[in-house]
Structures are given as structure tokens and as C-alpha cells.
């Protein structure tokens, strides 16, 4: 199978900041000469209402026209697909320098979750993940991450987006500064509770340690997928740098520092990590941390030949974990038919 070639960007290309790449101080400068309350109106419109400048009818028409370019979008929609009777939506976006990302909105009866990308591509190289198969292009800037949430908010009107998960393309803790700046904007300015913000990682130990010292108690999800170093080295190559002993120590620090329950993500691959022994090894790691385990039958990608553990066997794996004193949930797959499920985002041209 030929893997996609990462997008190569011109070295001199510097994308414009976009509406969410502008700080409040920069917005004040942009609106110099206007009444002081105008900056409040624009900031509120961008963050609390997720409006485009053209939609801000509380601003004079001439001002909207003047702001259209400096506060224009940094994401250009190149494709959109829906699944689950419209409850799941995936966007494909091109960034100003040609990089490509994807974003997914999942609507439920009482909540709506947007899954955002933090990188174009990914350098982690996990073989069963479409993003890892595609290779790394670049980190996303904070404004490009936040703008994905704003797009989903507009699409979900009049209902609110209640949760944001940093589980799209890329490794969030490899882009730590950009990810955390986006978290602060989502929390401080868009008003999303820290407990409804989830950062996923394949196990970047220094990033987990930094996260443990941050003032906002976000949720941490660790993509574990194997509970012994031999198998995890194959499924999660970064494990060779940060093996399980170091990862579990960082998880203990996070748990003690934040008093937040963490979760372990486990893609169930038939005949690879779905045996009773695998369950016992996983339980031995999860139980001391009181970690919740999310079981995710593998979602198909073109570059990996493994098959998903059948649903019945997945439930049995969950029962084995329960015997070991661990709470586990077999996740309901959303959007697999439009390549929007966990591990399927590839940023492919649309």
C-alpha cells in the first residue's frame, strides 16, 4: 500500500492569523480610532456567538467591511460530509499555506462534541491511524484550532457545542504551546468548562507533566492500545522513547496534581490486543489509577491490514476488565462511513 505524501509547504509562507489568531490587545490596535466598546462587541461576537464579521449586525456596515480582510477566516472549507442521519458532520479544510486538516462534530441528545485537529498530519507514526500513515506537515496555530470550534458552533445553532476533544489529526502534546493556548481561549473567552475539554495523547511524558502543573483541570485521555512494552513499541512507536513505566509515573502525577480521573483509549484489534492476557495487563495499569477505559473496535484505514475485534468479543474484553476491577465502555462508532471515526482522519483533498 502506497502511503500519502505529506504536503510540502514553502519555507517562507506565513499564514495570516485569522479571526482567532488575533489577541485582544491586537484587536484593540486594529480598532484604534473607534469607540472603545467596539472591541468588546467584536470580541464577544467572535467568541460567545462564534460569528463571522459579516454577521455582526451590531457593527456599522463600513466597519464590517474594513474588518473583513484582517479578521477573515484562516480555514477554507474544501469538503463536508454527514453521517448518522445528520448527527455527525466532518469538514475538510485547507489552511492558507496549503496544509489540510479535518474536524468532526458529533451531536447527541443532550450534548454536542467537536473533535479538533492540532497538527496537519502527525509524526507519531502509529501504523493503524490514517493521520500517522500520512506523515507530518506542521503544527497548527492556536487560532486555527479555535476556529474549528467556531465553525462547529455555527453549524450546530441554535444548540450549543458543549464539549471539545483534542483527538483529531495530530498529537496535541507535541504541539503543546499551540494546544494550551487554544484551551485557554476556549475556556476563558468561549466559556467552555475545563472539565468539558479533553486532551488526548499517545504518551508524550514531558507534555503530561506540564499539563499536570497547569491551572485548568482539563481531562486527559491516554491512547494506550497495549499494556506491555513489546507490543506497544509496535503499535505506538513513541513508546520506545517513553516506555510504559515512565508513562504510568506521569499519569500518577497528573492524577495526584489535578484530582481528575483520566481515561485510557484502547483500539481493539482482532488477534493483536484483545486477549484475556491483554485485558489482565491493562487492568493492572488502569486499576491503581482508577482510570476509565474506552474500548474502540478498530476503525478501518487503507494503510493497515488489521481487523476490528467483533462487537461481541469487545464486550467480553470489557467483562474481563470488570473482573479486574476496571470500569470500561465499548464506544459506539460514529461516522465510519465518511472516514470520520477515531483514527480515520487523513486530511485528504476533497
Protein backbone atom coordinates (compact mmCIF):
# COMPACT_ATOMS: atom_id res chain seq x y z
CA UNK A 1 0.00 0.00 0.00
CA UNK A 2 1.42 3.36 -1.05
CA UNK A 3 1.10 5.89 1.75
CA UNK A 4 0.08 9.51 1.06
CA UNK A 5 2.91 12.01 0.69
CA UNK A 6 2.86 14.79 3.30
CA UNK A 7 2.09 18.29 1.99
CA UNK A 8 5.32 20.26 1.48
CA UNK A 9 4.97 23.91 2.35
CA UNK A 10 7.01 26.82 1.09
CA UNK A 11 9.53 27.78 3.76
CA UNK A 12 8.69 31.47 3.52
CA UNK A 13 4.92 31.03 3.74
CA UNK A 14 3.45 32.73 6.82
CA UNK A 15 -0.32 32.24 7.06
CA UNK A 16 -2.40 35.24 8.19
CA UNK A 17 -3.58 34.99 11.81
CA UNK A 18 -7.29 34.67 11.06
CA UNK A 19 -10.04 35.85 13.42
CA UNK A 20 -8.92 33.69 16.35
CA UNK A 21 -5.21 34.26 15.89
CA UNK A 22 -5.59 37.89 16.96
CA UNK A 23 -5.12 38.69 20.64
CA UNK A 24 -7.35 41.14 22.48
CA UNK A 25 -4.52 43.68 22.53
CA UNK A 26 -4.05 43.29 18.77
CA UNK A 27 -7.78 43.74 18.24
CA UNK A 28 -7.68 46.95 20.26
CA UNK A 29 -4.93 48.25 17.96
CA UNK A 30 -6.89 47.17 14.89
CA UNK A 31 -9.86 49.20 16.14
CA UNK A 32 -7.86 52.29 17.12
CA UNK A 33 -9.97 55.36 16.47
CA UNK A 34 -13.26 53.52 17.02
CA UNK A 35 -15.29 53.88 20.24
CA UNK A 36 -13.74 51.68 22.95
CA UNK A 37 -16.82 49.46 23.19
CA UNK A 38 -16.38 48.31 19.57
CA UNK A 39 -13.56 45.96 20.57
CA UNK A 40 -15.84 44.38 23.18
CA UNK A 41 -18.54 43.90 20.55
CA UNK A 42 -16.17 42.22 18.09
CA UNK A 43 -14.55 40.03 20.76
CA UNK A 44 -17.95 38.96 22.06
CA UNK A 45 -19.22 38.28 18.56
CA UNK A 46 -16.23 36.09 17.69
CA UNK A 47 -16.12 34.08 20.90
CA UNK A 48 -19.51 33.95 22.61
CA UNK A 49 -21.58 33.87 19.40
CA UNK A 50 -18.95 32.39 17.03
CA UNK A 51 -19.97 34.91 14.38
CA UNK A 52 -18.15 35.90 11.25
CA UNK A 53 -17.52 39.63 10.99
CA UNK A 54 -20.18 39.91 8.27
CA UNK A 55 -22.76 38.54 10.73
CA UNK A 56 -22.04 41.14 13.43
CA UNK A 57 -25.04 43.36 12.75
CA UNK A 58 -24.34 45.41 15.88
CA UNK A 59 -21.37 46.90 13.98
CA UNK A 60 -21.66 49.60 11.32
CA UNK A 61 -21.59 48.24 7.79
CA UNK A 62 -18.45 50.22 6.93
CA UNK A 63 -16.60 48.76 9.92
CA UNK A 64 -17.62 45.24 8.97
CA UNK A 65 -16.21 45.84 5.51
CA UNK A 66 -12.94 47.17 6.98
CA UNK A 67 -12.54 44.15 9.27
CA UNK A 68 -13.45 41.56 6.64
CA UNK A 69 -9.86 41.09 5.47
CA UNK A 70 -7.82 41.29 8.72
CA UNK A 71 -10.36 39.09 10.53
CA UNK A 72 -11.11 36.84 7.59
CA UNK A 73 -11.14 33.04 8.08
CA UNK A 74 -7.91 31.04 8.23
CA UNK A 75 -9.76 27.84 7.31
CA UNK A 76 -11.19 27.29 3.83
CA UNK A 77 -13.78 24.55 3.63
CA UNK A 78 -12.95 22.11 0.84
CA UNK A 79 -15.47 19.42 1.67
CA UNK A 80 -18.20 18.40 4.07
CA UNK A 81 -19.89 15.05 4.69
CA UNK A 82 -22.55 13.89 7.10
CA UNK A 83 -23.49 10.56 8.66
CA UNK A 84 -25.74 9.10 11.35
CA UNK A 85 -28.81 10.88 9.95
CA UNK A 86 -27.02 14.20 10.13
CA UNK A 87 -25.82 13.80 13.71
CA UNK A 88 -22.17 13.51 12.61
CA UNK A 89 -20.52 16.08 10.34
CA UNK A 90 -16.96 16.08 9.03
CA UNK A 91 -15.27 19.09 7.47
CA UNK A 92 -12.16 19.10 5.33
CA UNK A 93 -10.26 22.40 5.50
CA UNK A 94 -7.36 23.88 3.58
CA UNK A 95 -5.16 26.29 5.51
CA UNK A 96 -3.65 29.41 3.98
CA UNK A 97 -0.33 27.69 3.22
CA UNK A 98 -1.88 24.59 1.63
CA UNK A 99 -1.86 22.32 4.68
CA UNK A 100 -5.01 20.26 5.17
CA UNK A 101 -6.94 19.18 8.25
CA UNK A 102 -10.27 17.63 9.20
CA UNK A 103 -12.73 18.37 12.01
CA UNK A 104 -15.72 16.35 13.25
CA UNK A 105 -18.89 17.44 15.06
CA UNK A 106 -20.93 14.78 16.86
CA UNK A 107 -24.38 15.82 18.09
CA UNK A 108 -26.19 13.85 20.78
CA UNK A 109 -29.49 14.38 22.55
CA UNK A 110 -28.07 16.46 25.39
CA UNK A 111 -24.61 17.47 24.22
CA UNK A 112 -22.54 18.22 21.15
CA UNK A 113 -18.85 17.39 20.87
CA UNK A 114 -16.39 18.78 18.35
CA UNK A 115 -13.20 16.82 17.66
CA UNK A 116 -10.43 19.21 16.61
CA UNK A 117 -7.07 18.74 14.93
CA UNK A 118 -3.91 20.20 16.46
CA UNK A 119 -1.50 19.36 13.65
CA UNK A 120 -1.66 18.89 9.90
CA UNK A 121 -0.58 15.27 9.73
CA UNK A 122 1.25 13.56 12.59
CA UNK A 123 4.81 12.46 13.29
CA UNK A 124 3.92 9.71 15.77
CA UNK A 125 3.72 7.01 13.09
CA UNK A 126 1.10 4.76 14.70
CA UNK A 127 0.52 2.19 11.92
CA UNK A 128 -3.26 1.80 12.37
CA UNK A 129 -4.01 5.54 12.23
CA UNK A 130 -4.68 7.29 8.92
CA UNK A 131 -3.14 10.55 10.14
CA UNK A 132 0.04 8.76 11.19
CA UNK A 133 0.17 6.99 7.84
CA UNK A 134 0.06 10.36 6.06
CA UNK A 135 3.10 11.83 7.83
CA UNK A 136 3.66 15.24 9.42
CA UNK A 137 3.19 18.63 7.76
CA UNK A 138 3.15 21.23 10.55
CA UNK A 139 1.75 22.32 13.91
CA UNK A 140 -1.49 24.27 13.89
CA UNK A 141 -1.54 27.75 15.37
CA UNK A 142 -3.88 28.37 18.32
CA UNK A 143 -6.26 30.41 16.19
CA UNK A 144 -6.55 27.61 13.63
CA UNK A 145 -7.52 25.20 16.40
CA UNK A 146 -10.09 27.56 17.94
CA UNK A 147 -11.59 28.40 14.56
CA UNK A 148 -12.53 24.73 14.08
CA UNK A 149 -14.71 25.02 17.18
CA UNK A 150 -16.28 28.24 15.89
CA UNK A 151 -17.20 26.55 12.60
CA UNK A 152 -18.86 23.71 14.51
CA UNK A 153 -20.69 26.18 16.76
CA UNK A 154 -22.19 27.94 13.75
CA UNK A 155 -23.24 24.64 12.20
CA UNK A 156 -24.86 23.48 15.44
CA UNK A 157 -27.00 26.55 16.03
CA UNK A 158 -29.27 27.06 17.90
CA UNK A 159 -27.87 24.27 20.11
CA UNK A 160 -24.53 24.82 21.84
CA UNK A 161 -21.29 22.93 21.44
CA UNK A 162 -20.77 21.59 24.95
CA UNK A 163 -17.54 19.56 24.68
CA UNK A 164 -14.27 19.81 22.77
CA UNK A 165 -11.93 16.85 22.38
CA UNK A 166 -8.39 17.32 21.07
CA UNK A 167 -8.49 13.94 19.33
CA UNK A 168 -8.41 14.88 15.65
CA UNK A 169 -5.35 14.95 13.44
CA UNK A 170 -2.02 15.21 15.22
CA UNK A 171 -0.54 14.72 18.69
CA UNK A 172 -1.75 17.61 20.89
CA UNK A 173 1.14 17.43 23.37
CA UNK A 174 3.70 17.55 20.56
CA UNK A 175 2.19 20.96 19.79
CA UNK A 176 1.93 21.83 23.47
CA UNK A 177 2.06 25.62 23.30
CA UNK A 178 -0.46 25.84 20.47
CA UNK A 179 -2.79 23.35 22.14
CA UNK A 180 -2.70 25.02 25.53
CA UNK A 181 -3.19 28.50 24.07
CA UNK A 182 -6.30 27.15 22.31
CA UNK A 183 -7.53 25.60 25.57
CA UNK A 184 -7.22 28.97 27.31
CA UNK A 185 -9.12 30.76 24.53
CA UNK A 186 -11.89 28.14 24.56
CA UNK A 187 -12.17 28.30 28.34
CA UNK A 188 -11.59 31.98 29.05
CA UNK A 189 -13.29 33.56 26.05
CA UNK A 190 -15.72 31.00 24.64
CA UNK A 191 -16.87 29.90 28.08
CA UNK A 192 -16.37 26.13 27.75
CA UNK A 193 -15.74 24.46 31.10
CA UNK A 194 -12.27 22.94 31.60
CA UNK A 195 -13.94 19.68 32.58
CA UNK A 196 -15.50 19.55 29.12
CA UNK A 197 -12.16 19.92 27.36
CA UNK A 198 -10.31 16.64 26.74
CA UNK A 199 -6.71 16.41 25.56
CA UNK A 200 -5.61 13.11 24.06
CA UNK A 201 -2.02 11.90 23.86
CA UNK A 202 -0.21 8.76 22.78
CA UNK A 203 2.08 9.23 25.76
CA UNK A 204 4.27 12.34 25.49
CA UNK A 205 5.56 12.19 29.06
CA UNK A 206 7.02 15.73 29.30
CA UNK A 207 3.71 17.12 28.00
CA UNK A 208 1.70 15.19 30.59
CA UNK A 209 3.97 16.57 33.31
CA UNK A 210 3.47 20.12 32.03
CA UNK A 211 -0.27 19.54 31.86
CA UNK A 212 -0.28 18.41 35.50
CA UNK A 213 1.06 21.81 36.53
CA UNK A 214 -1.47 23.89 34.57
CA UNK A 215 -4.23 25.77 36.43
CA UNK A 216 -7.14 24.39 34.40
CA UNK A 217 -8.26 20.80 35.25
CA UNK A 218 -8.84 19.52 31.73
CA UNK A 219 -9.49 15.83 31.12
CA UNK A 220 -6.57 13.68 30.00
CA UNK A 221 -7.09 10.72 27.65
CA UNK A 222 -4.10 8.44 27.04
CA UNK A 223 -4.15 6.38 23.85
CA UNK A 224 -2.67 3.22 25.35
CA UNK A 225 -3.61 0.36 22.98
CA UNK A 226 -1.10 -2.04 24.54
CA UNK A 227 -0.11 -2.73 28.15
CA UNK A 228 3.32 -4.27 27.61
CA UNK A 229 6.30 -2.53 26.04
CA UNK A 230 6.97 -5.17 23.37
CA UNK A 231 3.53 -4.76 21.76
CA UNK A 232 3.28 -1.05 22.44
CA UNK A 233 6.61 -0.43 20.70
CA UNK A 234 4.98 -1.80 17.54
CA UNK A 235 1.61 -0.07 17.86
CA UNK A 236 2.78 3.25 19.37
CA UNK A 237 6.38 3.89 18.25
CA UNK A 238 6.90 6.80 20.70
CA UNK A 239 6.77 4.14 23.43
CA UNK A 240 10.43 3.43 22.64
CA UNK A 241 11.25 6.90 23.96
CA UNK A 242 8.66 6.98 26.75
CA UNK A 243 8.03 3.38 27.84
CA UNK A 244 5.12 2.31 29.99
CA UNK A 245 6.89 2.74 33.33
CA UNK A 246 7.61 6.41 32.59
CA UNK A 247 4.14 6.93 31.15
CA UNK A 248 2.39 5.45 34.19
CA UNK A 249 4.51 7.60 36.50
CA UNK A 250 3.43 10.71 34.58
CA UNK A 251 -0.20 9.57 34.76
CA UNK A 252 0.09 9.14 38.53
CA UNK A 253 1.47 12.68 38.78
CA UNK A 254 -1.40 14.02 36.68
CA UNK A 255 -3.96 12.19 38.80
CA UNK A 256 -2.44 13.42 42.07
CA UNK A 257 -1.97 17.01 40.88
CA UNK A 258 -5.40 17.55 39.32
CA UNK A 259 -7.63 15.06 41.15
CA UNK A 260 -9.12 14.37 37.73
CA UNK A 261 -9.97 10.87 36.60
CA UNK A 262 -8.13 10.01 33.41
CA UNK A 263 -9.09 7.61 30.68
CA UNK A 264 -7.21 5.04 28.65
CA UNK A 265 -8.17 4.64 24.98
CA UNK A 266 -7.82 1.13 23.58
CA UNK A 267 -8.35 0.33 19.89
CA UNK A 268 -9.34 -3.33 19.83
CA UNK A 269 -7.51 -5.14 17.02
CA UNK A 270 -8.53 -8.72 16.42
CA UNK A 271 -5.82 -11.16 17.43
CA UNK A 272 -3.42 -8.36 18.41
CA UNK A 273 -4.54 -6.80 21.71
CA UNK A 274 -7.90 -8.39 22.55
CA UNK A 275 -6.96 -11.50 24.55
CA UNK A 276 -7.68 -12.24 28.20
CA UNK A 277 -3.98 -11.69 28.89
CA UNK A 278 -4.16 -8.25 27.28
CA UNK A 279 -7.14 -7.44 29.49
CA UNK A 280 -5.27 -8.56 32.62
CA UNK A 281 -2.24 -6.43 31.72
CA UNK A 282 -4.47 -3.43 31.03
CA UNK A 283 -6.35 -3.88 34.30
CA UNK A 284 -3.05 -3.96 36.20
CA UNK A 285 -2.24 -0.50 34.82
CA UNK A 286 -5.70 1.05 34.99
CA UNK A 287 -6.88 -0.15 38.40
CA UNK A 288 -4.27 1.66 40.59
CA UNK A 289 -5.07 4.92 38.75
CA UNK A 290 -8.85 4.41 38.85
CA UNK A 291 -8.70 5.05 35.11
CA UNK A 292 -11.74 4.58 32.90
CA UNK A 293 -11.10 2.53 29.76
CA UNK A 294 -12.71 3.38 26.43
CA UNK A 295 -12.74 0.34 24.15
CA UNK A 296 -12.84 1.24 20.46
CA UNK A 297 -13.08 -1.56 17.90
CA UNK A 298 -10.51 -0.65 15.25
CA UNK A 299 -11.75 1.66 12.50
CA UNK A 300 -10.54 0.62 9.05
CA UNK A 301 -7.85 2.59 7.21
CA UNK A 302 -6.28 1.89 3.82
CA UNK A 303 -2.76 1.62 5.19
CA UNK A 304 -3.31 -1.03 7.88
CA UNK A 305 -4.38 -4.61 7.35
CA UNK A 306 -5.62 -5.33 10.89
CA UNK A 307 -9.30 -6.02 11.57
CA UNK A 308 -11.59 -4.79 14.31
CA UNK A 309 -12.40 -7.06 17.21
CA UNK A 310 -16.04 -8.15 16.71
CA UNK A 311 -18.56 -6.39 18.89
CA UNK A 312 -19.40 -9.46 20.96
CA UNK A 313 -15.70 -10.10 21.68
CA UNK A 314 -15.26 -6.43 22.56
CA UNK A 315 -17.99 -6.75 25.19
CA UNK A 316 -16.26 -9.87 26.53
CA UNK A 317 -13.00 -7.92 26.78
CA UNK A 318 -14.89 -5.30 28.79
CA UNK A 319 -16.21 -8.03 31.08
CA UNK A 320 -12.68 -9.28 31.71
CA UNK A 321 -11.68 -5.75 32.69
CA UNK A 322 -14.65 -5.58 35.05
CA UNK A 323 -13.45 -8.80 36.68
CA UNK A 324 -10.15 -7.00 37.22
CA UNK A 325 -11.83 -4.06 38.93
CA UNK A 326 -11.79 -1.65 35.97
CA UNK A 327 -14.75 0.26 34.51
CA UNK A 328 -14.79 0.09 30.72
CA UNK A 329 -17.10 1.28 27.97
CA UNK A 330 -17.32 -0.10 24.44
CA UNK A 331 -17.61 3.06 22.40
CA UNK A 332 -20.32 3.41 19.78
CA UNK A 333 -18.64 4.22 16.47
CA UNK A 334 -19.78 7.41 14.74
CA UNK A 335 -19.04 8.45 11.17
CA UNK A 336 -17.04 5.44 9.96
CA UNK A 337 -18.84 5.52 6.60
CA UNK A 338 -17.45 9.02 5.91
CA UNK A 339 -13.98 8.27 7.36
CA UNK A 340 -14.75 10.47 10.38
CA UNK A 341 -14.28 7.87 13.13
CA UNK A 342 -11.36 7.63 15.53
CA UNK A 343 -8.12 7.03 13.63
CA UNK A 344 -9.58 7.74 10.18
CA UNK A 345 -8.85 11.46 9.70
CA UNK A 346 -6.31 11.94 6.95
CA UNK A 347 -6.71 15.50 5.69
CA UNK A 348 -7.20 14.15 2.18
CA UNK A 349 -8.02 16.62 -0.62
CA UNK A 350 -11.77 16.77 -1.27
